[in-house]
Amino acid sequence: VSQVITQKTVQEIPLNGRHFLDLAPLTPGTMTPNQNG
């Protein structure tokens, strides 16, 4: 069970900080760690 974040998404979506891992929540079931993580 997987999903590919394509080059178009990686290169064209604006990111505050320009860190590719911030695109990971675009994958279903993925989120940033909670506050007590």
Full PDB file with SEQRES, HELIX, SHEET, SSBOND, CRYST1, ORIGX, SCALE, CONECT and MASTER records, all heavy atoms in Angstrom:
SEQRES   1 A   37  VAL SER GLN VAL ILE THR GLN LYS THR VAL GLN GLU ILE          
SEQRES   2 A   37  PRO LEU ASN GLY ARG HIS PHE LEU ASP LEU ALA PRO LEU          
SEQRES   3 A   37  THR PRO GLY THR MET THR PRO ASN GLN ASN GLY                  
HELIX    1 AA1 GLN A    7  GLU A   12  1                                   6    
HELIX    2 AA2 PHE A   20  LEU A   26  5                                   7    
CRYST1    1.000    1.000    1.000  90.00  90.00  90.00 P 1           1          
ORIGX1      1.000000  0.000000  0.000000        0.00000                         
ORIGX2      0.000000  1.000000  0.000000        0.00000                         
ORIGX3      0.000000  0.000000  1.000000        0.00000                         
SCALE1      1.000000  0.000000  0.000000        0.00000                         
SCALE2      0.000000  1.000000  0.000000        0.00000                         
SCALE3      0.000000  0.000000  1.000000        0.00000                         
ATOM      1  N   VAL A   1       0.867  -1.180   0.000  1.00  0.00           N  
ATOM      2  CA  VAL A   1       0.000   0.000   0.000  1.00  0.00           C  
ATOM      3  C   VAL A   1       0.901   1.227   0.000  1.00  0.00           C  
ATOM      4  O   VAL A   1       1.656   1.452   0.947  1.00  0.00           O  
ATOM      5  CB  VAL A   1      -0.925   0.005   1.229  1.00  0.00           C  
ATOM      6  CG1 VAL A   1      -1.805   1.249   1.223  1.00  0.00           C  
ATOM      7  CG2 VAL A   1      -1.775  -1.256   1.253  1.00  0.00           C  
ATOM      8  N   SER A   2       0.831   2.019  -1.074  1.00  0.00           N  
ATOM      9  CA  SER A   2       1.803   3.105  -1.219  1.00  0.00           C  
ATOM     10  C   SER A   2       1.229   4.227  -2.068  1.00  0.00           C  
ATOM     11  O   SER A   2       0.175   4.088  -2.698  1.00  0.00           O  
ATOM     12  CB  SER A   2       3.088   2.575  -1.874  1.00  0.00           C  
ATOM     13  OG  SER A   2       2.801   2.063  -3.170  1.00  0.00           O  
ATOM     14  N   GLN A   3       1.959   5.341  -2.071  1.00  0.00           N  
ATOM     15  CA  GLN A   3       1.617   6.466  -2.935  1.00  0.00           C  
ATOM     16  C   GLN A   3       2.894   7.200  -3.309  1.00  0.00           C  
ATOM     17  O   GLN A   3       3.799   7.362  -2.485  1.00  0.00           O  
ATOM     18  CB  GLN A   3       0.666   7.443  -2.243  1.00  0.00           C  
ATOM     19  CG  GLN A   3       0.314   8.656  -3.127  1.00  0.00           C  
ATOM     20  CD  GLN A   3      -0.745   9.547  -2.520  1.00  0.00           C  
ATOM     21  OE1 GLN A   3      -1.509   9.122  -1.660  1.00  0.00           O  
ATOM     22  NE2 GLN A   3      -0.802  10.787  -2.961  1.00  0.00           N  
ATOM     23  N   VAL A   4       2.968   7.632  -4.574  1.00  0.00           N  
ATOM     24  CA  VAL A   4       4.117   8.373  -5.071  1.00  0.00           C  
ATOM     25  C   VAL A   4       3.777   9.862  -5.109  1.00  0.00           C  
ATOM     26  O   VAL A   4       2.749  10.253  -5.658  1.00  0.00           O  
ATOM     27  CB  VAL A   4       4.518   7.887  -6.478  1.00  0.00           C  
ATOM     28  CG1 VAL A   4       5.637   8.759  -7.052  1.00  0.00           C  
ATOM     29  CG2 VAL A   4       4.952   6.432  -6.429  1.00  0.00           C  
ATOM     30  N   ILE A   5       4.637  10.681  -4.517  1.00  0.00           N  
ATOM     31  CA  ILE A   5       4.543  12.133  -4.647  1.00  0.00           C  
ATOM     32  C   ILE A   5       5.382  12.501  -5.859  1.00  0.00           C  
ATOM     33  O   ILE A   5       6.614  12.393  -5.836  1.00  0.00           O  
ATOM     34  CB  ILE A   5       5.054  12.857  -3.387  1.00  0.00           C  
ATOM     35  CG1 ILE A   5       4.337  12.323  -2.135  1.00  0.00           C  
ATOM     36  CG2 ILE A   5       4.853  14.354  -3.512  1.00  0.00           C  
ATOM     37  CD1 ILE A   5       2.844  12.533  -2.135  1.00  0.00           C  
ATOM     38  N   THR A   6       4.742  12.904  -6.950  1.00  0.00           N  
ATOM     39  CA  THR A   6       5.416  13.071  -8.237  1.00  0.00           C  
ATOM     40  C   THR A   6       6.293  14.317  -8.263  1.00  0.00           C  
ATOM     41  O   THR A   6       6.209  15.193  -7.399  1.00  0.00           O  
ATOM     42  CB  THR A   6       4.389  13.163  -9.365  1.00  0.00           C  
ATOM     43  OG1 THR A   6       3.578  14.335  -9.169  1.00  0.00           O  
ATOM     44  CG2 THR A   6       3.483  11.928  -9.380  1.00  0.00           C  
ATOM     45  N   GLN A   7       7.129  14.399  -9.300  1.00  0.00           N  
ATOM     46  CA  GLN A   7       8.045  15.529  -9.433  1.00  0.00           C  
ATOM     47  C   GLN A   7       7.282  16.838  -9.603  1.00  0.00           C  
ATOM     48  O   GLN A   7       7.707  17.877  -9.094  1.00  0.00           O  
ATOM     49  CB  GLN A   7       8.983  15.316 -10.621  1.00  0.00           C  
ATOM     50  CG  GLN A   7       9.997  16.439 -10.804  1.00  0.00           C  
ATOM     51  CD  GLN A   7      11.029  16.132 -11.874  1.00  0.00           C  
ATOM     52  OE1 GLN A   7      11.240  14.980 -12.232  1.00  0.00           O  
ATOM     53  NE2 GLN A   7      11.683  17.153 -12.378  1.00  0.00           N  
ATOM     54  N   LYS A   8       6.154  16.817 -10.313  1.00  0.00           N  
ATOM     55  CA  LYS A   8       5.368  18.033 -10.492  1.00  0.00           C  
ATOM     56  C   LYS A   8       4.900  18.576  -9.140  1.00  0.00           C  
ATOM     57  O   LYS A   8       4.978  19.780  -8.874  1.00  0.00           O  
ATOM     58  CB  LYS A   8       4.163  17.745 -11.389  1.00  0.00           C  
ATOM     59  CG  LYS A   8       3.260  18.959 -11.636  1.00  0.00           C  
ATOM     60  CD  LYS A   8       2.116  18.586 -12.562  1.00  0.00           C  
ATOM     61  CE  LYS A   8       1.181  19.769 -12.779  1.00  0.00           C  
ATOM     62  NZ  LYS A   8       1.825  20.894 -13.457  1.00  0.00           N  
ATOM     63  N   THR A   9       4.437  17.669  -8.265  1.00  0.00           N  
ATOM     64  CA  THR A   9       3.996  18.099  -6.934  1.00  0.00           C  
ATOM     65  C   THR A   9       5.171  18.597  -6.111  1.00  0.00           C  
ATOM     66  O   THR A   9       5.088  19.635  -5.447  1.00  0.00           O  
ATOM     67  CB  THR A   9       3.307  16.927  -6.207  1.00  0.00           C  
ATOM     68  OG1 THR A   9       2.199  16.479  -6.989  1.00  0.00           O  
ATOM     69  CG2 THR A   9       2.798  17.358  -4.848  1.00  0.00           C  
ATOM     70  N   VAL A  10       6.285  17.863  -6.154  1.00  0.00           N  
ATOM     71  CA  VAL A  10       7.454  18.236  -5.354  1.00  0.00           C  
ATOM     72  C   VAL A  10       7.974  19.613  -5.755  1.00  0.00           C  
ATOM     73  O   VAL A  10       8.316  20.442  -4.898  1.00  0.00           O  
ATOM     74  CB  VAL A  10       8.562  17.179  -5.504  1.00  0.00           C  
ATOM     75  CG1 VAL A  10       9.857  17.658  -4.857  1.00  0.00           C  
ATOM     76  CG2 VAL A  10       8.129  15.861  -4.889  1.00  0.00           C  
ATOM     77  N   GLN A  11       8.030  19.879  -7.051  1.00  0.00           N  
ATOM     78  CA  GLN A  11       8.656  21.102  -7.527  1.00  0.00           C  
ATOM     79  C   GLN A  11       7.726  22.309  -7.543  1.00  0.00           C  
ATOM     80  O   GLN A  11       8.204  23.450  -7.481  1.00  0.00           O  
ATOM     81  CB  GLN A  11       9.214  20.881  -8.941  1.00  0.00           C  
ATOM     82  CG  GLN A  11      10.275  19.800  -9.024  1.00  0.00           C  
ATOM     83  CD  GLN A  11      11.510  20.142  -8.220  1.00  0.00           C  
ATOM     84  OE1 GLN A  11      11.919  21.289  -8.132  1.00  0.00           O  
ATOM     85  NE2 GLN A  11      12.108  19.137  -7.605  1.00  0.00           N  
ATOM     86  N   GLU A  12       6.412  22.107  -7.614  1.00  0.00           N  
ATOM     87  CA  GLU A  12       5.521  23.236  -7.841  1.00  0.00           C  
ATOM     88  C   GLU A  12       4.705  23.661  -6.628  1.00  0.00           C  
ATOM     89  O   GLU A  12       4.239  24.799  -6.575  1.00  0.00           O  
ATOM     90  CB  GLU A  12       4.570  22.922  -9.011  1.00  0.00           C  
ATOM     91  CG  GLU A  12       5.302  22.757 -10.340  1.00  0.00           C  
ATOM     92  CD  GLU A  12       4.337  22.565 -11.502  1.00  0.00           C  
ATOM     93  OE1 GLU A  12       3.110  22.671 -11.282  1.00  0.00           O  
ATOM     94  OE2 GLU A  12       4.818  22.315 -12.623  1.00  0.00           O  
ATOM     95  N   ILE A  13       4.494  22.787  -5.638  1.00  0.00           N  
ATOM     96  CA  ILE A  13       3.730  23.198  -4.456  1.00  0.00           C  
ATOM     97  C   ILE A  13       4.600  24.067  -3.564  1.00  0.00           C  
ATOM     98  O   ILE A  13       5.718  23.667  -3.202  1.00  0.00           O  
ATOM     99  CB  ILE A  13       3.221  21.966  -3.676  1.00  0.00           C  
ATOM    100  CG1 ILE A  13       2.070  21.310  -4.436  1.00  0.00           C  
ATOM    101  CG2 ILE A  13       2.772  22.337  -2.279  1.00  0.00           C  
ATOM    102  CD1 ILE A  13       1.390  20.190  -3.698  1.00  0.00           C  
ATOM    103  N   PRO A  14       4.141  25.271  -3.201  1.00  0.00           N  
ATOM    104  CA  PRO A  14       4.946  26.136  -2.325  1.00  0.00           C  
ATOM    105  C   PRO A  14       5.035  25.547  -0.918  1.00  0.00           C  
ATOM    106  O   PRO A  14       4.046  25.085  -0.362  1.00  0.00           O  
ATOM    107  CB  PRO A  14       4.172  27.466  -2.338  1.00  0.00           C  
ATOM    108  CG  PRO A  14       2.772  27.089  -2.691  1.00  0.00           C  
ATOM    109  CD  PRO A  14       2.863  25.900  -3.598  1.00  0.00           C  
ATOM    110  N   LEU A  15       6.240  25.564  -0.355  1.00  0.00           N  
ATOM    111  CA  LEU A  15       6.480  25.013   0.975  1.00  0.00           C  
ATOM    112  C   LEU A  15       7.192  26.045   1.835  1.00  0.00           C  
ATOM    113  O   LEU A  15       8.243  26.567   1.439  1.00  0.00           O  
ATOM    114  CB  LEU A  15       7.330  23.743   0.893  1.00  0.00           C  
ATOM    115  CG  LEU A  15       6.702  22.510   0.252  1.00  0.00           C  
ATOM    116  CD1 LEU A  15       7.744  21.408   0.120  1.00  0.00           C  
ATOM    117  CD2 LEU A  15       5.531  22.030   1.073  1.00  0.00           C  
ATOM    118  N   ASN A  16       6.645  26.320   2.980  1.00  0.00           N  
ATOM    119  CA  ASN A  16       7.298  27.218   3.922  1.00  0.00           C  
ATOM    120  C   ASN A  16       8.462  26.476   4.572  1.00  0.00           C  
ATOM    121  O   ASN A  16       8.272  25.573   5.379  1.00  0.00           O  
ATOM    122  CB  ASN A  16       6.303  27.676   4.990  1.00  0.00           C  
ATOM    123  CG  ASN A  16       6.930  28.679   5.946  1.00  0.00           C  
ATOM    124  OD1 ASN A  16       7.985  29.233   5.671  1.00  0.00           O  
ATOM    125  ND2 ASN A  16       6.266  28.914   7.062  1.00  0.00           N  
ATOM    126  N   GLY A  17       9.674  26.845   4.194  1.00  0.00           N  
ATOM    127  CA  GLY A  17      10.853  26.153   4.665  1.00  0.00           C  
ATOM    128  C   GLY A  17      11.481  25.252   3.629  1.00  0.00           C  
ATOM    129  O   GLY A  17      12.623  24.832   3.768  1.00  0.00           O  
ATOM    130  N   ARG A  18      10.713  24.915   2.564  1.00  0.00           N  
ATOM    131  CA  ARG A  18      11.232  24.120   1.443  1.00  0.00           C  
ATOM    132  C   ARG A  18      11.797  22.781   1.915  1.00  0.00           C  
ATOM    133  O   ARG A  18      12.890  22.380   1.544  1.00  0.00           O  
ATOM    134  CB  ARG A  18      12.307  24.913   0.690  1.00  0.00           C  
ATOM    135  CG  ARG A  18      11.742  26.097  -0.056  1.00  0.00           C  
ATOM    136  CD  ARG A  18      12.835  26.992  -0.631  1.00  0.00           C  
ATOM    137  NE  ARG A  18      13.797  26.254  -1.423  1.00  0.00           N  
ATOM    138  CZ  ARG A  18      13.616  25.873  -2.698  1.00  0.00           C  
ATOM    139  NH1 ARG A  18      12.488  26.163  -3.307  1.00  0.00           N  
ATOM    140  NH2 ARG A  18      14.564  25.227  -3.349  1.00  0.00           N  
ATOM    141  N   HIS A  19      11.030  22.046   2.740  1.00  0.00           N  
ATOM    142  CA  HIS A  19      11.427  20.723   3.197  1.00  0.00           C  
ATOM    143  C   HIS A  19      10.485  19.689   2.582  1.00  0.00           C  
ATOM    144  O   HIS A  19       9.269  19.756   2.786  1.00  0.00           O  
ATOM    145  CB  HIS A  19      11.385  20.636   4.718  1.00  0.00           C  
ATOM    146  CG  HIS A  19      12.201  21.689   5.405  1.00  0.00           C  
ATOM    147  ND1 HIS A  19      13.554  21.817   5.205  1.00  0.00           N  
ATOM    148  CD2 HIS A  19      11.844  22.677   6.281  1.00  0.00           C  
ATOM    149  CE1 HIS A  19      14.007  22.825   5.930  1.00  0.00           C  
ATOM    150  NE2 HIS A  19      12.992  23.357   6.576  1.00  0.00           N  
ATOM    151  N   PHE A  20      11.049  18.732   1.842  1.00  0.00           N  
ATOM    152  CA  PHE A  20      10.215  17.794   1.093  1.00  0.00           C  
ATOM    153  C   PHE A  20       9.341  16.941   2.006  1.00  0.00           C  
ATOM    154  O   PHE A  20       8.249  16.525   1.610  1.00  0.00           O  
ATOM    155  CB  PHE A  20      11.090  16.896   0.212  1.00  0.00           C  
ATOM    156  CG  PHE A  20      11.684  15.718   0.923  1.00  0.00           C  
ATOM    157  CD1 PHE A  20      11.022  14.501   0.954  1.00  0.00           C  
ATOM    158  CD2 PHE A  20      12.901  15.818   1.575  1.00  0.00           C  
ATOM    159  CE1 PHE A  20      11.557  13.416   1.619  1.00  0.00           C  
ATOM    160  CE2 PHE A  20      13.443  14.738   2.235  1.00  0.00           C  
ATOM    161  CZ  PHE A  20      12.771  13.536   2.252  1.00  0.00           C  
ATOM    162  N   LEU A  21       9.772  16.694   3.240  1.00  0.00           N  
ATOM    163  CA  LEU A  21       8.995  15.842   4.135  1.00  0.00           C  
ATOM    164  C   LEU A  21       7.664  16.485   4.511  1.00  0.00           C  
ATOM    165  O   LEU A  21       6.741  15.796   4.946  1.00  0.00           O  
ATOM    166  CB  LEU A  21       9.808  15.524   5.395  1.00  0.00           C  
ATOM    167  CG  LEU A  21       9.460  14.226   6.136  1.00  0.00           C  
ATOM    168  CD1 LEU A  21       9.534  13.031   5.196  1.00  0.00           C  
ATOM    169  CD2 LEU A  21      10.389  14.025   7.323  1.00  0.00           C  
ATOM    170  N   ASP A  22       7.544  17.806   4.312  1.00  0.00           N  
ATOM    171  CA  ASP A  22       6.267  18.474   4.576  1.00  0.00           C  
ATOM    172  C   ASP A  22       5.196  18.094   3.560  1.00  0.00           C  
ATOM    173  O   ASP A  22       4.012  18.400   3.749  1.00  0.00           O  
ATOM    174  CB  ASP A  22       6.458  20.000   4.572  1.00  0.00           C  
ATOM    175  CG  ASP A  22       7.293  20.476   5.750  1.00  0.00           C  
ATOM    176  OD1 ASP A  22       7.310  19.765   6.776  1.00  0.00           O  
ATOM    177  OD2 ASP A  22       7.926  21.546   5.661  1.00  0.00           O  
ATOM    178  N   LEU A  23       5.597  17.437   2.458  1.00  0.00           N  
ATOM    179  CA  LEU A  23       4.635  16.963   1.468  1.00  0.00           C  
ATOM    180  C   LEU A  23       4.046  15.605   1.835  1.00  0.00           C  
ATOM    181  O   LEU A  23       3.075  15.163   1.236  1.00  0.00           O  
ATOM    182  CB  LEU A  23       5.302  16.850   0.088  1.00  0.00           C  
ATOM    183  CG  LEU A  23       5.733  18.154  -0.577  1.00  0.00           C  
ATOM    184  CD1 LEU A  23       6.570  17.860  -1.814  1.00  0.00           C  
ATOM    185  CD2 LEU A  23       4.533  18.995  -0.945  1.00  0.00           C  
ATOM    186  N   ALA A  24       4.644  14.934   2.814  1.00  0.00           N  
ATOM    187  CA  ALA A  24       4.203  13.590   3.176  1.00  0.00           C  
ATOM    188  C   ALA A  24       2.737  13.527   3.604  1.00  0.00           C  
ATOM    189  O   ALA A  24       2.050  12.543   3.297  1.00  0.00           O  
ATOM    190  CB  ALA A  24       5.104  13.018   4.275  1.00  0.00           C  
ATOM    191  N   PRO A  25       2.184  14.533   4.325  1.00  0.00           N  
ATOM    192  CA  PRO A  25       0.765  14.451   4.702  1.00  0.00           C  
ATOM    193  C   PRO A  25      -0.211  14.422   3.525  1.00  0.00           C  
ATOM    194  O   PRO A  25      -1.402  14.213   3.733  1.00  0.00           O  
ATOM    195  CB  PRO A  25       0.561  15.712   5.560  1.00  0.00           C  
ATOM    196  CG  PRO A  25       1.900  15.975   6.161  1.00  0.00           C  
ATOM    197  CD  PRO A  25       2.869  15.619   5.058  1.00  0.00           C  
ATOM    198  N   LEU A  26       0.277  14.617   2.290  1.00  0.00           N  
ATOM    199  CA  LEU A  26      -0.587  14.454   1.124  1.00  0.00           C  
ATOM    200  C   LEU A  26      -0.960  12.981   0.915  1.00  0.00           C  
ATOM    201  O   LEU A  26      -1.891  12.676   0.181  1.00  0.00           O  
ATOM    202  CB  LEU A  26       0.107  14.985  -0.134  1.00  0.00           C  
ATOM    203  CG  LEU A  26       0.380  16.498  -0.173  1.00  0.00           C  
ATOM    204  CD1 LEU A  26       1.154  16.856  -1.429  1.00  0.00           C  
ATOM    205  CD2 LEU A  26      -0.914  17.286  -0.111  1.00  0.00           C  
ATOM    206  N   THR A  27      -0.214  12.076   1.555  1.00  0.00           N  
ATOM    207  CA  THR A  27      -0.506  10.651   1.470  1.00  0.00           C  
ATOM    208  C   THR A  27      -1.571  10.276   2.492  1.00  0.00           C  
ATOM    209  O   THR A  27      -1.470  10.652   3.662  1.00  0.00           O  
ATOM    210  CB  THR A  27       0.776   9.835   1.752  1.00  0.00           C  
ATOM    211  OG1 THR A  27       1.790  10.212   0.814  1.00  0.00           O  
ATOM    212  CG2 THR A  27       0.510   8.353   1.623  1.00  0.00           C  
ATOM    213  N   PRO A  28      -2.630   9.558   2.079  1.00  0.00           N  
ATOM    214  CA  PRO A  28      -3.662   9.154   3.047  1.00  0.00           C  
ATOM    215  C   PRO A  28      -3.073   8.375   4.223  1.00  0.00           C  
ATOM    216  O   PRO A  28      -2.202   7.518   4.043  1.00  0.00           O  
ATOM    217  CB  PRO A  28      -4.586   8.259   2.203  1.00  0.00           C  
ATOM    218  CG  PRO A  28      -4.393   8.716   0.797  1.00  0.00           C  
ATOM    219  CD  PRO A  28      -2.949   9.127   0.708  1.00  0.00           C  
ATOM    220  N   GLY A  29      -3.550   8.707   5.430  1.00  0.00           N  
ATOM    221  CA  GLY A  29      -3.071   8.028   6.625  1.00  0.00           C  
ATOM    222  C   GLY A  29      -1.795   8.597   7.197  1.00  0.00           C  
ATOM    223  O   GLY A  29      -1.224   8.027   8.126  1.00  0.00           O  
ATOM    224  N   THR A  30      -1.324   9.730   6.643  1.00  0.00           N  
ATOM    225  CA  THR A  30      -0.068  10.329   7.094  1.00  0.00           C  
ATOM    226  C   THR A  30      -0.329  11.690   7.723  1.00  0.00           C  
ATOM    227  O   THR A  30      -1.133  12.470   7.218  1.00  0.00           O  
ATOM    228  CB  THR A  30       0.914  10.482   5.922  1.00  0.00           C  
ATOM    229  OG1 THR A  30       1.148   9.207   5.331  1.00  0.00           O  
ATOM    230  CG2 THR A  30       2.233  11.066   6.380  1.00  0.00           C  
ATOM    231  N   MET A  31       0.368  11.978   8.805  1.00  0.00           N  
ATOM    232  CA  MET A  31       0.199  13.256   9.515  1.00  0.00           C  
ATOM    233  C   MET A  31       1.515  13.622  10.197  1.00  0.00           C  
ATOM    234  O   MET A  31       2.421  12.794  10.318  1.00  0.00           O  
ATOM    235  CB  MET A  31      -0.907  13.138  10.568  1.00  0.00           C  
ATOM    236  CG  MET A  31      -0.661  12.051  11.602  1.00  0.00           C  
ATOM    237  SD  MET A  31      -1.955  11.901  12.833  1.00  0.00           S  
ATOM    238  CE  MET A  31      -1.699  13.412  13.743  1.00  0.00           C  
ATOM    239  N   THR A  32       1.617  14.878  10.599  1.00  0.00           N  
ATOM    240  CA  THR A  32       2.776  15.298  11.378  1.00  0.00           C  
ATOM    241  C   THR A  32       2.641  14.749  12.796  1.00  0.00           C  
ATOM    242  O   THR A  32       1.535  14.533  13.281  1.00  0.00           O  
ATOM    243  CB  THR A  32       2.875  16.828  11.427  1.00  0.00           C  
ATOM    244  OG1 THR A  32       1.639  17.357  11.939  1.00  0.00           O  
ATOM    245  CG2 THR A  32       3.112  17.395  10.036  1.00  0.00           C  
ATOM    246  N   PRO A  33       3.751  14.499  13.488  1.00  0.00           N  
ATOM    247  CA  PRO A  33       3.668  13.957  14.851  1.00  0.00           C  
ATOM    248  C   PRO A  33       2.886  14.874  15.773  1.00  0.00           C  
ATOM    249  O   PRO A  33       2.920  16.098  15.636  1.00  0.00           O  
ATOM    250  CB  PRO A  33       5.139  13.849  15.279  1.00  0.00           C  
ATOM    251  CG  PRO A  33       5.907  13.776  14.006  1.00  0.00           C  
ATOM    252  CD  PRO A  33       5.140  14.608  13.020  1.00  0.00           C  
ATOM    253  N   ASN A  34       2.159  14.289  16.734  1.00  0.00           N  
ATOM    254  CA  ASN A  34       1.381  15.107  17.664  1.00  0.00           C  
ATOM    255  C   ASN A  34       2.302  15.845  18.632  1.00  0.00           C  
ATOM    256  O   ASN A  34       3.506  15.607  18.686  1.00  0.00           O  
ATOM    257  CB  ASN A  34       0.371  14.230  18.426  1.00  0.00           C  
ATOM    258  CG  ASN A  34       1.040  13.058  19.116  1.00  0.00           C  
ATOM    259  OD1 ASN A  34       2.084  13.214  19.730  1.00  0.00           O  
ATOM    260  ND2 ASN A  34       0.447  11.877  18.994  1.00  0.00           N  
ATOM    261  N   GLN A  35       1.718  16.732  19.419  1.00  0.00           N  
ATOM    262  CA  GLN A  35       2.511  17.647  20.234  1.00  0.00           C  
ATOM    263  C   GLN A  35       3.342  16.955  21.306  1.00  0.00           C  
ATOM    264  O   GLN A  35       4.327  17.520  21.778  1.00  0.00           O  
ATOM    265  CB  GLN A  35       1.584  18.682  20.886  1.00  0.00           C  
ATOM    266  CG  GLN A  35       0.964  19.647  19.892  1.00  0.00           C  
ATOM    267  CD  GLN A  35       2.023  20.419  19.121  1.00  0.00           C  
ATOM    268  OE1 GLN A  35       2.915  21.025  19.712  1.00  0.00           O  
ATOM    269  NE2 GLN A  35       1.936  20.403  17.802  1.00  0.00           N  
ATOM    270  N   ASN A  36       2.925  15.777  21.747  1.00  0.00           N  
ATOM    271  CA  ASN A  36       3.725  15.064  22.736  1.00  0.00           C  
ATOM    272  C   ASN A  36       4.523  13.934  22.104  1.00  0.00           C  
ATOM    273  O   ASN A  36       4.940  13.001  22.792  1.00  0.00           O  
ATOM    274  CB  ASN A  36       2.832  14.511  23.858  1.00  0.00           C  
ATOM    275  CG  ASN A  36       1.780  13.543  23.326  1.00  0.00           C  
ATOM    276  OD1 ASN A  36       1.629  13.403  22.119  1.00  0.00           O  
ATOM    277  ND2 ASN A  36       1.057  12.887  24.225  1.00  0.00           N  
ATOM    278  N   GLY A  37       4.739  14.009  20.786  1.00  0.00           N  
ATOM    279  CA  GLY A  37       5.523  13.002  20.086  1.00  0.00           C  
ATOM    280  C   GLY A  37       7.006  13.125  20.392  1.00  0.00           C  
ATOM    281  O   GLY A  37       7.473  14.096  21.006  1.00  0.00           O  
TER     282      GLY A  37                                                      
MASTER        0    0    0    2    0    0    0    6  281    1    0    3          
END                                                                             
